[in-house]
Amino acid sequence: MRFIKRFLQAIALPSLFLAVSGYFAWHAMHGDRGLIAREQRIADIAAARAELARAESEREGMERRVAGLRGDRLDRDQLDERARALLNMVGRDEVVVPYPPERRLY
């Protein structure tokens, strides 16, 4: 009986330490701020940066097109292209090439 009592006293403190360490180790991996959540946040940030780069390039393209339609430096070709697309008109000597409705040219 004395042996069992001594044995239990000897393993009580290490067992408690092991349980507390396991608790913190599990939460360090799987918790809200753990390593797995950190990797997910890094992936989300990378996706958001890619979306930002795509949106910025789209915006720059739109700004270039709008800059061609401004008054002091009017680009006649671009103005003609937009007018023909919006008014649905062509010249007498031009050839019309049809395209499917889901593929817009502008």
PDB file of N, CA and C in Angstrom:
ATOM      1  N   MET A   1       0.814  -1.188   0.000  1.00  0.00           N
ATOM      2  CA  MET A   1       0.000   0.000   0.000  1.00  0.00           C
ATOM      3  C   MET A   1       0.861   1.256   0.000  1.00  0.00           C
ATOM      4  N   ARG A   2       1.919   1.197   0.811  1.00  0.00           N
ATOM      5  CA  ARG A   2       2.814   2.345   0.886  1.00  0.00           C
ATOM      6  C   ARG A   2       3.495   2.593  -0.461  1.00  0.00           C
ATOM      7  N   PHE A   3       3.798   1.515  -1.153  1.00  0.00           N
ATOM      8  CA  PHE A   3       4.429   1.640  -2.460  1.00  0.00           C
ATOM      9  C   PHE A   3       3.502   2.363  -3.450  1.00  0.00           C
ATOM     10  N   ILE A   4       2.241   2.002  -3.425  1.00  0.00           N
ATOM     11  CA  ILE A   4       1.275   2.631  -4.328  1.00  0.00           C
ATOM     12  C   ILE A   4       1.132   4.108  -3.999  1.00  0.00           C
ATOM     13  N   LYS A   5       1.093   4.440  -2.712  1.00  0.00           N
ATOM     14  CA  LYS A   5       0.960   5.836  -2.300  1.00  0.00           C
ATOM     15  C   LYS A   5       2.169   6.647  -2.756  1.00  0.00           C
ATOM     16  N   ARG A   6       3.360   6.108  -2.565  1.00  0.00           N
ATOM     17  CA  ARG A   6       4.574   6.806  -3.008  1.00  0.00           C
ATOM     18  C   ARG A   6       4.613   6.947  -4.531  1.00  0.00           C
ATOM     19  N   PHE A   7       4.187   5.900  -5.196  1.00  0.00           N
ATOM     20  CA  PHE A   7       4.181   5.934  -6.656  1.00  0.00           C
ATOM     21  C   PHE A   7       3.225   7.009  -7.173  1.00  0.00           C
ATOM     22  N   LEU A   8       2.042   7.094  -6.589  1.00  0.00           N
ATOM     23  CA  LEU A   8       1.077   8.107  -7.005  1.00  0.00           C
ATOM     24  C   LEU A   8       1.583   9.514  -6.698  1.00  0.00           C
ATOM     25  N   GLN A   9       2.237   9.695  -5.550  1.00  0.00           N
ATOM     26  CA  GLN A   9       2.796  11.006  -5.224  1.00  0.00           C
ATOM     27  C   GLN A   9       3.925  11.370  -6.182  1.00  0.00           C
ATOM     28  N   ALA A  10       4.674  10.394  -6.613  1.00  0.00           N
ATOM     29  CA  ALA A  10       5.803  10.649  -7.505  1.00  0.00           C
ATOM     30  C   ALA A  10       5.340  11.018  -8.918  1.00  0.00           C
ATOM     31  N   ILE A  11       4.228  10.457  -9.369  1.00  0.00           N
ATOM     32  CA  ILE A  11       3.787  10.760 -10.733  1.00  0.00           C
ATOM     33  C   ILE A  11       2.727  11.861 -10.794  1.00  0.00           C
ATOM     34  N   ALA A  12       2.244  12.329  -9.676  1.00  0.00           N
ATOM     35  CA  ALA A  12       1.181  13.342  -9.676  1.00  0.00           C
ATOM     36  C   ALA A  12       1.662  14.650 -10.299  1.00  0.00           C
ATOM     37  N   LEU A  13       2.770  15.172  -9.842  1.00  0.00           N
ATOM     38  CA  LEU A  13       3.273  16.449 -10.345  1.00  0.00           C
ATOM     39  C   LEU A  13       3.686  16.363 -11.820  1.00  0.00           C
ATOM     40  N   PRO A  14       4.435  15.348 -12.242  1.00  0.00           N
ATOM     41  CA  PRO A  14       4.750  15.249 -13.673  1.00  0.00           C
ATOM     42  C   PRO A  14       3.505  15.060 -14.546  1.00  0.00           C
ATOM     43  N   SER A  15       2.519  14.331 -14.041  1.00  0.00           N
ATOM     44  CA  SER A  15       1.282  14.146 -14.809  1.00  0.00           C
ATOM     45  C   SER A  15       0.540  15.462 -14.968  1.00  0.00           C
ATOM     46  N   LEU A  16       0.476  16.242 -13.902  1.00  0.00           N
ATOM     47  CA  LEU A  16      -0.171  17.546 -13.973  1.00  0.00           C
ATOM     48  C   LEU A  16       0.573  18.451 -14.957  1.00  0.00           C
ATOM     49  N   PHE A  17       1.897  18.460 -14.875  1.00  0.00           N
ATOM     50  CA  PHE A  17       2.704  19.260 -15.796  1.00  0.00           C
ATOM     51  C   PHE A  17       2.483  18.810 -17.241  1.00  0.00           C
ATOM     52  N   LEU A  18       2.431  17.515 -17.464  1.00  0.00           N
ATOM     53  CA  LEU A  18       2.210  16.979 -18.803  1.00  0.00           C
ATOM     54  C   LEU A  18       0.825  17.374 -19.332  1.00  0.00           C
ATOM     55  N   ALA A  19      -0.186  17.327 -18.480  1.00  0.00           N
ATOM     56  CA  ALA A  19      -1.536  17.701 -18.905  1.00  0.00           C
ATOM     57  C   ALA A  19      -1.604  19.185 -19.260  1.00  0.00           C
ATOM     58  N   VAL A  20      -1.008  20.040 -18.431  1.00  0.00           N
ATOM     59  CA  VAL A  20      -1.012  21.480 -18.709  1.00  0.00           C
ATOM     60  C   VAL A  20      -0.215  21.769 -19.980  1.00  0.00           C
ATOM     61  N   SER A  21       0.920  21.118 -20.147  1.00  0.00           N
ATOM     62  CA  SER A  21       1.727  21.307 -21.359  1.00  0.00           C
ATOM     63  C   SER A  21       0.964  20.850 -22.599  1.00  0.00           C
ATOM     64  N   GLY A  22       0.279  19.735 -22.505  1.00  0.00           N
ATOM     65  CA  GLY A  22      -0.520  19.250 -23.627  1.00  0.00           C
ATOM     66  C   GLY A  22      -1.639  20.212 -23.986  1.00  0.00           C
ATOM     67  N   TYR A  23      -2.268  20.793 -22.968  1.00  0.00           N
ATOM     68  CA  TYR A  23      -3.336  21.769 -23.203  1.00  0.00           C
ATOM     69  C   TYR A  23      -2.802  22.960 -23.993  1.00  0.00           C
ATOM     70  N   PHE A  24      -1.686  23.512 -23.540  1.00  0.00           N
ATOM     71  CA  PHE A  24      -1.122  24.674 -24.228  1.00  0.00           C
ATOM     72  C   PHE A  24      -0.583  24.312 -25.614  1.00  0.00           C
ATOM     73  N   ALA A  25      -0.021  23.132 -25.754  1.00  0.00           N
ATOM     74  CA  ALA A  25       0.485  22.710 -27.064  1.00  0.00           C
ATOM     75  C   ALA A  25      -0.664  22.542 -28.060  1.00  0.00           C
ATOM     76  N   TRP A  26      -1.776  21.959 -27.608  1.00  0.00           N
ATOM     77  CA  TRP A  26      -2.922  21.786 -28.503  1.00  0.00           C
ATOM     78  C   TRP A  26      -3.460  23.141 -28.953  1.00  0.00           C
ATOM     79  N   HIS A  27      -3.587  24.075 -28.012  1.00  0.00           N
ATOM     80  CA  HIS A  27      -4.100  25.396 -28.373  1.00  0.00           C
ATOM     81  C   HIS A  27      -3.099  26.197 -29.206  1.00  0.00           C
ATOM     82  N   ALA A  28      -1.818  25.929 -29.056  1.00  0.00           N
ATOM     83  CA  ALA A  28      -0.819  26.599 -29.894  1.00  0.00           C
ATOM     84  C   ALA A  28      -0.954  26.158 -31.348  1.00  0.00           C
ATOM     85  N   MET A  29      -1.450  24.965 -31.574  1.00  0.00           N
ATOM     86  CA  MET A  29      -1.648  24.488 -32.937  1.00  0.00           C
ATOM     87  C   MET A  29      -3.046  24.800 -33.468  1.00  0.00           C
ATOM     88  N   HIS A  30      -4.075  24.528 -32.671  1.00  0.00           N
ATOM     89  CA  HIS A  30      -5.449  24.555 -33.162  1.00  0.00           C
ATOM     90  C   HIS A  30      -6.279  25.727 -32.671  1.00  0.00           C
ATOM     91  N   GLY A  31      -5.752  26.571 -31.836  1.00  0.00           N
ATOM     92  CA  GLY A  31      -6.530  27.675 -31.282  1.00  0.00           C
ATOM     93  C   GLY A  31      -6.784  28.781 -32.293  1.00  0.00           C
ATOM     94  N   ASP A  32      -7.505  29.820 -31.849  1.00  0.00           N
ATOM     95  CA  ASP A  32      -7.827  30.945 -32.730  1.00  0.00           C
ATOM     96  C   ASP A  32      -6.582  31.663 -33.231  1.00  0.00           C
ATOM     97  N   ARG A  33      -5.532  31.650 -32.450  1.00  0.00           N
ATOM     98  CA  ARG A  33      -4.285  32.297 -32.850  1.00  0.00           C
ATOM     99  C   ARG A  33      -3.151  31.279 -33.004  1.00  0.00           C
ATOM    100  N   GLY A  34      -3.515  30.049 -33.275  1.00  0.00           N
ATOM    101  CA  GLY A  34      -2.533  28.986 -33.404  1.00  0.00           C
ATOM    102  C   GLY A  34      -1.859  28.976 -34.765  1.00  0.00           C
ATOM    103  N   LEU A  35      -1.006  27.990 -34.954  1.00  0.00           N
ATOM    104  CA  LEU A  35      -0.230  27.892 -36.188  1.00  0.00           C
ATOM    105  C   LEU A  35      -1.105  27.595 -37.404  1.00  0.00           C
ATOM    106  N   ILE A  36      -2.118  26.784 -37.236  1.00  0.00           N
ATOM    107  CA  ILE A  36      -3.002  26.472 -38.361  1.00  0.00           C
ATOM    108  C   ILE A  36      -3.794  27.710 -38.765  1.00  0.00           C
ATOM    109  N   ALA A  37      -4.295  28.453 -37.785  1.00  0.00           N
ATOM    110  CA  ALA A  37      -5.027  29.688 -38.084  1.00  0.00           C
ATOM    111  C   ALA A  37      -4.101  30.719 -38.712  1.00  0.00           C
ATOM    112  N   ARG A  38      -2.843  30.741 -38.298  1.00  0.00           N
ATOM    113  CA  ARG A  38      -1.873  31.682 -38.877  1.00  0.00           C
ATOM    114  C   ARG A  38      -1.651  31.388 -40.356  1.00  0.00           C
ATOM    115  N   GLU A  39      -1.518  30.127 -40.694  1.00  0.00           N
ATOM    116  CA  GLU A  39      -1.342  29.747 -42.097  1.00  0.00           C
ATOM    117  C   GLU A  39      -2.570  30.132 -42.922  1.00  0.00           C
ATOM    118  N   GLN A  40      -3.751  29.965 -42.343  1.00  0.00           N
ATOM    119  CA  GLN A  40      -4.977  30.354 -43.049  1.00  0.00           C
ATOM    120  C   GLN A  40      -5.018  31.863 -43.264  1.00  0.00           C
ATOM    121  N   ARG A  41      -4.606  32.636 -42.258  1.00  0.00           N
ATOM    122  CA  ARG A  41      -4.576  34.096 -42.409  1.00  0.00           C
ATOM    123  C   ARG A  41      -3.570  34.509 -43.471  1.00  0.00           C
ATOM    124  N   ILE A  42      -2.431  33.857 -43.533  1.00  0.00           N
ATOM    125  CA  ILE A  42      -1.426  34.170 -44.556  1.00  0.00           C
ATOM    126  C   ILE A  42      -1.990  33.882 -45.946  1.00  0.00           C
ATOM    127  N   ALA A  43      -2.704  32.767 -46.092  1.00  0.00           N
ATOM    128  CA  ALA A  43      -3.322  32.444 -47.385  1.00  0.00           C
ATOM    129  C   ALA A  43      -4.396  33.471 -47.744  1.00  0.00           C
ATOM    130  N   ASP A  44      -5.179  33.899 -46.759  1.00  0.00           N
ATOM    131  CA  ASP A  44      -6.207  34.918 -47.012  1.00  0.00           C
ATOM    132  C   ASP A  44      -5.577  36.239 -47.433  1.00  0.00           C
ATOM    133  N   ILE A  45      -4.470  36.604 -46.799  1.00  0.00           N
ATOM    134  CA  ILE A  45      -3.779  37.853 -47.147  1.00  0.00           C
ATOM    135  C   ILE A  45      -3.232  37.770 -48.573  1.00  0.00           C
ATOM    136  N   ALA A  46      -2.666  36.627 -48.940  1.00  0.00           N
ATOM    137  CA  ALA A  46      -2.141  36.464 -50.302  1.00  0.00           C
ATOM    138  C   ALA A  46      -3.266  36.563 -51.334  1.00  0.00           C
ATOM    139  N   ALA A  47      -4.417  35.963 -51.037  1.00  0.00           N
ATOM    140  CA  ALA A  47      -5.552  36.049 -51.963  1.00  0.00           C
ATOM    141  C   ALA A  47      -6.058  37.483 -52.065  1.00  0.00           C
ATOM    142  N   ALA A  48      -6.088  38.187 -50.940  1.00  0.00           N
ATOM    143  CA  ALA A  48      -6.545  39.584 -50.960  1.00  0.00           C
ATOM    144  C   ALA A  48      -5.571  40.463 -51.734  1.00  0.00           C
ATOM    145  N   ARG A  49      -4.276  40.202 -51.607  1.00  0.00           N
ATOM    146  CA  ARG A  49      -3.290  40.984 -52.365  1.00  0.00           C
ATOM    147  C   ARG A  49      -3.413  40.719 -53.866  1.00  0.00           C
ATOM    148  N   ALA A  50      -3.674  39.478 -54.231  1.00  0.00           N
ATOM    149  CA  ALA A  50      -3.870  39.161 -55.652  1.00  0.00           C
ATOM    150  C   ALA A  50      -5.117  39.861 -56.186  1.00  0.00           C
ATOM    151  N   GLU A  51      -6.176  39.867 -55.398  1.00  0.00           N
ATOM    152  CA  GLU A  51      -7.404  40.565 -55.803  1.00  0.00           C
ATOM    153  C   GLU A  51      -7.158  42.063 -55.912  1.00  0.00           C
ATOM    154  N   LEU A  52      -6.376  42.618 -54.996  1.00  0.00           N
ATOM    155  CA  LEU A  52      -6.043  44.043 -55.049  1.00  0.00           C
ATOM    156  C   LEU A  52      -5.246  44.360 -56.310  1.00  0.00           C
ATOM    157  N   ALA A  53      -4.270  43.525 -56.644  1.00  0.00           N
ATOM    158  CA  ALA A  53      -3.470  43.754 -57.852  1.00  0.00           C
ATOM    159  C   ALA A  53      -4.342  43.686 -59.100  1.00  0.00           C
ATOM    160  N   ARG A  54      -5.285  42.736 -59.144  1.00  0.00           N
ATOM    161  CA  ARG A  54      -6.187  42.632 -60.283  1.00  0.00           C
ATOM    162  C   ARG A  54      -7.078  43.865 -60.384  1.00  0.00           C
ATOM    163  N   ALA A  55      -7.599  44.316 -59.254  1.00  0.00           N
ATOM    164  CA  ALA A  55      -8.474  45.492 -59.264  1.00  0.00           C
ATOM    165  C   ALA A  55      -7.702  46.750 -59.653  1.00  0.00           C
ATOM    166  N   GLU A  56      -6.456  46.866 -59.179  1.00  0.00           N
ATOM    167  CA  GLU A  56      -5.649  48.037 -59.542  1.00  0.00           C
ATOM    168  C   GLU A  56      -5.327  48.047 -61.029  1.00  0.00           C
ATOM    169  N   SER A  57      -5.009  46.884 -61.590  1.00  0.00           N
ATOM    170  CA  SER A  57      -4.716  46.844 -63.028  1.00  0.00           C
ATOM    171  C   SER A  57      -5.973  47.151 -63.841  1.00  0.00           C
ATOM    172  N   GLU A  58      -7.113  46.667 -63.380  1.00  0.00           N
ATOM    173  CA  GLU A  58      -8.373  46.981 -64.066  1.00  0.00           C
ATOM    174  C   GLU A  58      -8.667  48.478 -63.986  1.00  0.00           C
ATOM    175  N   ARG A  59      -8.413  49.054 -62.836  1.00  0.00           N
ATOM    176  CA  ARG A  59      -8.637  50.494 -62.662  1.00  0.00           C
ATOM    177  C   ARG A  59      -7.702  51.301 -63.562  1.00  0.00           C
ATOM    178  N   GLU A  60      -6.430  50.907 -63.627  1.00  0.00           N
ATOM    179  CA  GLU A  60      -5.479  51.614 -64.486  1.00  0.00           C
ATOM    180  C   GLU A  60      -5.897  51.534 -65.953  1.00  0.00           C
ATOM    181  N   GLY A  61      -6.394  50.375 -66.375  1.00  0.00           N
ATOM    182  CA  GLY A  61      -6.883  50.237 -67.745  1.00  0.00           C
ATOM    183  C   GLY A  61      -8.059  51.158 -68.020  1.00  0.00           C
ATOM    184  N   MET A  62      -8.972  51.229 -67.065  1.00  0.00           N
ATOM    185  CA  MET A  62     -10.115  52.131 -67.226  1.00  0.00           C
ATOM    186  C   MET A  62      -9.672  53.586 -67.251  1.00  0.00           C
ATOM    187  N   GLU A  63      -8.704  53.931 -66.400  1.00  0.00           N
ATOM    188  CA  GLU A  63      -8.205  55.312 -66.383  1.00  0.00           C
ATOM    189  C   GLU A  63      -7.540  55.672 -67.708  1.00  0.00           C
ATOM    190  N   ARG A  64      -6.811  54.717 -68.312  1.00  0.00           N
ATOM    191  CA  ARG A  64      -6.196  54.977 -69.617  1.00  0.00           C
ATOM    192  C   ARG A  64      -7.263  55.206 -70.682  1.00  0.00           C
ATOM    193  N   ARG A  65      -8.319  54.403 -70.634  1.00  0.00           N
ATOM    194  CA  ARG A  65      -9.387  54.571 -71.625  1.00  0.00           C
ATOM    195  C   ARG A  65     -10.109  55.897 -71.438  1.00  0.00           C
ATOM    196  N   VAL A  66     -10.344  56.291 -70.193  1.00  0.00           N
ATOM    197  CA  VAL A  66     -11.017  57.565 -69.930  1.00  0.00           C
ATOM    198  C   VAL A  66     -10.114  58.725 -70.314  1.00  0.00           C
ATOM    199  N   ALA A  67      -8.808  58.579 -70.078  1.00  0.00           N
ATOM    200  CA  ALA A  67      -7.871  59.654 -70.427  1.00  0.00           C
ATOM    201  C   ALA A  67      -7.883  59.912 -71.933  1.00  0.00           C
ATOM    202  N   GLY A  68      -8.134  58.896 -72.730  1.00  0.00           N
ATOM    203  CA  GLY A  68      -8.204  59.073 -74.180  1.00  0.00           C
ATOM    204  C   GLY A  68      -9.452  59.811 -74.629  1.00  0.00           C
ATOM    205  N   LEU A  69     -10.444  59.898 -73.763  1.00  0.00           N
ATOM    206  CA  LEU A  69     -11.691  60.577 -74.120  1.00  0.00           C
ATOM    207  C   LEU A  69     -11.775  61.989 -73.539  1.00  0.00           C
ATOM    208  N   ARG A  70     -10.738  62.449 -72.870  1.00  0.00           N
ATOM    209  CA  ARG A  70     -10.750  63.803 -72.298  1.00  0.00           C
ATOM    210  C   ARG A  70     -10.579  64.835 -73.404  1.00  0.00           C
ATOM    211  N   GLY A  71     -11.033  66.051 -73.160  1.00  0.00           N
ATOM    212  CA  GLY A  71     -11.106  67.088 -74.175  1.00  0.00           C
ATOM    213  C   GLY A  71      -9.787  67.552 -74.753  1.00  0.00           C
ATOM    214  N   ASP A  72      -8.764  67.834 -73.957  1.00  0.00           N
ATOM    215  CA  ASP A  72      -7.528  68.423 -74.475  1.00  0.00           C
ATOM    216  C   ASP A  72      -6.678  67.431 -75.268  1.00  0.00           C
ATOM    217  N   ARG A  73      -6.820  66.167 -75.049  1.00  0.00           N
ATOM    218  CA  ARG A  73      -6.037  65.172 -75.784  1.00  0.00           C
ATOM    219  C   ARG A  73      -6.948  64.042 -76.257  1.00  0.00           C
ATOM    220  N   LEU A  74      -7.920  64.382 -77.011  1.00  0.00           N
ATOM    221  CA  LEU A  74      -8.945  63.456 -77.470  1.00  0.00           C
ATOM    222  C   LEU A  74      -8.357  62.452 -78.471  1.00  0.00           C
ATOM    223  N   ASP A  75      -8.530  61.197 -78.214  1.00  0.00           N
ATOM    224  CA  ASP A  75      -8.085  60.137 -79.117  1.00  0.00           C
ATOM    225  C   ASP A  75      -9.247  59.811 -80.055  1.00  0.00           C
ATOM    226  N   ARG A  76      -9.119  60.212 -81.301  1.00  0.00           N
ATOM    227  CA  ARG A  76     -10.229  60.068 -82.253  1.00  0.00           C
ATOM    228  C   ARG A  76     -10.596  58.602 -82.493  1.00  0.00           C
ATOM    229  N   ASP A  77      -9.604  57.726 -82.546  1.00  0.00           N
ATOM    230  CA  ASP A  77      -9.900  56.314 -82.783  1.00  0.00           C
ATOM    231  C   ASP A  77     -10.725  55.721 -81.641  1.00  0.00           C
ATOM    232  N   GLN A  78     -10.339  56.041 -80.424  1.00  0.00           N
ATOM    233  CA  GLN A  78     -11.069  55.505 -79.282  1.00  0.00           C
ATOM    234  C   GLN A  78     -12.479  56.096 -79.207  1.00  0.00           C
ATOM    235  N   LEU A  79     -12.600  57.383 -79.497  1.00  0.00           N
ATOM    236  CA  LEU A  79     -13.918  58.010 -79.515  1.00  0.00           C
ATOM    237  C   LEU A  79     -14.795  57.381 -80.596  1.00  0.00           C
ATOM    238  N   ASP A  80     -14.223  57.130 -81.762  1.00  0.00           N
ATOM    239  CA  ASP A  80     -14.965  56.499 -82.846  1.00  0.00           C
ATOM    240  C   ASP A  80     -15.394  55.084 -82.454  1.00  0.00           C
ATOM    241  N   GLU A  81     -14.491  54.343 -81.823  1.00  0.00           N
ATOM    242  CA  GLU A  81     -14.802  52.983 -81.391  1.00  0.00           C
ATOM    243  C   GLU A  81     -15.959  52.974 -80.392  1.00  0.00           C
ATOM    244  N   ARG A  82     -15.918  53.848 -79.409  1.00  0.00           N
ATOM    245  CA  ARG A  82     -16.978  53.900 -78.395  1.00  0.00           C
ATOM    246  C   ARG A  82     -18.309  54.341 -79.006  1.00  0.00           C
ATOM    247  N   ALA A  83     -18.262  55.327 -79.904  1.00  0.00           N
ATOM    248  CA  ALA A  83     -19.498  55.799 -80.527  1.00  0.00           C
ATOM    249  C   ALA A  83     -20.135  54.692 -81.357  1.00  0.00           C
ATOM    250  N   ARG A  84     -19.331  53.961 -82.110  1.00  0.00           N
ATOM    251  CA  ARG A  84     -19.869  52.871 -82.926  1.00  0.00           C
ATOM    252  C   ARG A  84     -20.441  51.757 -82.046  1.00  0.00           C
ATOM    253  N   ALA A  85     -19.775  51.465 -80.941  1.00  0.00           N
ATOM    254  CA  ALA A  85     -20.267  50.410 -80.054  1.00  0.00           C
ATOM    255  C   ALA A  85     -21.571  50.819 -79.382  1.00  0.00           C
ATOM    256  N   LEU A  86     -21.656  52.059 -78.932  1.00  0.00           N
ATOM    257  CA  LEU A  86     -22.859  52.506 -78.234  1.00  0.00           C
ATOM    258  C   LEU A  86     -24.026  52.759 -79.181  1.00  0.00           C
ATOM    259  N   LEU A  87     -23.744  53.307 -80.357  1.00  0.00           N
ATOM    260  CA  LEU A  87     -24.815  53.634 -81.302  1.00  0.00           C
ATOM    261  C   LEU A  87     -25.149  52.481 -82.238  1.00  0.00           C
ATOM    262  N   ASN A  88     -24.307  51.456 -82.230  1.00  0.00           N
ATOM    263  CA  ASN A  88     -24.523  50.274 -83.064  1.00  0.00           C
ATOM    264  C   ASN A  88     -24.559  50.645 -84.548  1.00  0.00           C
ATOM    265  N   MET A  89     -23.576  51.434 -84.983  1.00  0.00           N
ATOM    266  CA  MET A  89     -23.512  51.887 -86.374  1.00  0.00           C
ATOM    267  C   MET A  89     -22.147  51.548 -86.961  1.00  0.00           C
ATOM    268  N   VAL A  90     -22.108  51.397 -88.300  1.00  0.00           N
ATOM    269  CA  VAL A  90     -20.856  51.151 -89.014  1.00  0.00           C
ATOM    270  C   VAL A  90     -20.827  52.025 -90.258  1.00  0.00           C
ATOM    271  N   GLY A  91     -19.630  52.158 -90.834  1.00  0.00           N
ATOM    272  CA  GLY A  91     -19.490  52.891 -92.085  1.00  0.00           C
ATOM    273  C   GLY A  91     -19.895  52.029 -93.269  1.00  0.00           C
ATOM    274  N   ARG A  92     -20.038  52.652 -94.464  1.00  0.00           N
ATOM    275  CA  ARG A  92     -20.476  51.911 -95.657  1.00  0.00           C
ATOM    276  C   ARG A  92     -19.435  50.886 -96.112  1.00  0.00           C
ATOM    277  N   ASP A  93     -18.176  51.191 -95.942  1.00  0.00           N
ATOM    278  CA  ASP A  93     -17.130  50.316 -96.453  1.00  0.00           C
ATOM    279  C   ASP A  93     -16.588  49.350 -95.390  1.00  0.00           C
ATOM    280  N   GLU A  94     -17.252  49.201 -94.291  1.00  0.00           N
ATOM    281  CA  GLU A  94     -16.771  48.335 -93.214  1.00  0.00           C
ATOM    282  C   GLU A  94     -17.499  46.998 -93.218  1.00  0.00           C
ATOM    283  N   VAL A  95     -16.806  45.974 -92.700  1.00  0.00           N
ATOM    284  CA  VAL A  95     -17.364  44.630 -92.613  1.00  0.00           C
ATOM    285  C   VAL A  95     -17.743  44.370 -91.158  1.00  0.00           C
ATOM    286  N   VAL A  96     -18.936  43.845 -90.926  1.00  0.00           N
ATOM    287  CA  VAL A  96     -19.408  43.535 -89.575  1.00  0.00           C
ATOM    288  C   VAL A  96     -19.144  42.062 -89.297  1.00  0.00           C
ATOM    289  N   VAL A  97     -18.455  41.780 -88.192  1.00  0.00           N
ATOM    290  CA  VAL A  97     -18.188  40.410 -87.775  1.00  0.00           C
ATOM    291  C   VAL A  97     -19.020  40.149 -86.523  1.00  0.00           C
ATOM    292  N   PRO A  98     -20.027  39.271 -86.602  1.00  0.00           N
ATOM    293  CA  PRO A  98     -20.863  39.014 -85.421  1.00  0.00           C
ATOM    294  C   PRO A  98     -20.094  38.200 -84.379  1.00  0.00           C
ATOM    295  N   TYR A  99     -20.473  38.356 -83.147  1.00  0.00           N
ATOM    296  CA  TYR A  99     -19.873  37.620 -82.046  1.00  0.00           C
ATOM    297  C   TYR A  99     -20.985  37.238 -81.077  1.00  0.00           C
ATOM    298  N   PRO A 100     -20.761  36.213 -80.259  1.00  0.00           N
ATOM    299  CA  PRO A 100     -21.808  35.775 -79.325  1.00  0.00           C
ATOM    300  C   PRO A 100     -22.102  36.857 -78.279  1.00  0.00           C
ATOM    301  N   PRO A 101     -23.332  36.893 -77.768  1.00  0.00           N
ATOM    302  CA  PRO A 101     -23.706  37.936 -76.804  1.00  0.00           C
ATOM    303  C   PRO A 101     -22.902  37.899 -75.510  1.00  0.00           C
ATOM    304  N   GLU A 102     -22.420  36.729 -75.098  1.00  0.00           N
ATOM    305  CA  GLU A 102     -21.679  36.665 -73.833  1.00  0.00           C
ATOM    306  C   GLU A 102     -20.242  37.178 -73.954  1.00  0.00           C
ATOM    307  N   ARG A 103     -19.758  37.430 -75.163  1.00  0.00           N
ATOM    308  CA  ARG A 103     -18.400  37.955 -75.364  1.00  0.00           C
ATOM    309  C   ARG A 103     -18.489  39.405 -75.793  1.00  0.00           C
ATOM    310  N   ARG A 104     -18.426  40.286 -74.843  1.00  0.00           N
ATOM    311  CA  ARG A 104     -18.485  41.711 -75.147  1.00  0.00           C
ATOM    312  C   ARG A 104     -17.118  42.189 -75.612  1.00  0.00           C
ATOM    313  N   LEU A 105     -17.111  43.119 -76.531  1.00  0.00           N
ATOM    314  CA  LEU A 105     -15.857  43.637 -77.064  1.00  0.00           C
ATOM    315  C   LEU A 105     -15.354  44.828 -76.275  1.00  0.00           C
ATOM    316  N   TYR A 106     -16.163  45.377 -75.427  1.00  0.00           N
ATOM    317  CA  TYR A 106     -15.744  46.563 -74.664  1.00  0.00           C
ATOM    318  C   TYR A 106     -16.124  46.406 -73.228  1.00  0.00           C
TER     319      TYR A 106
END
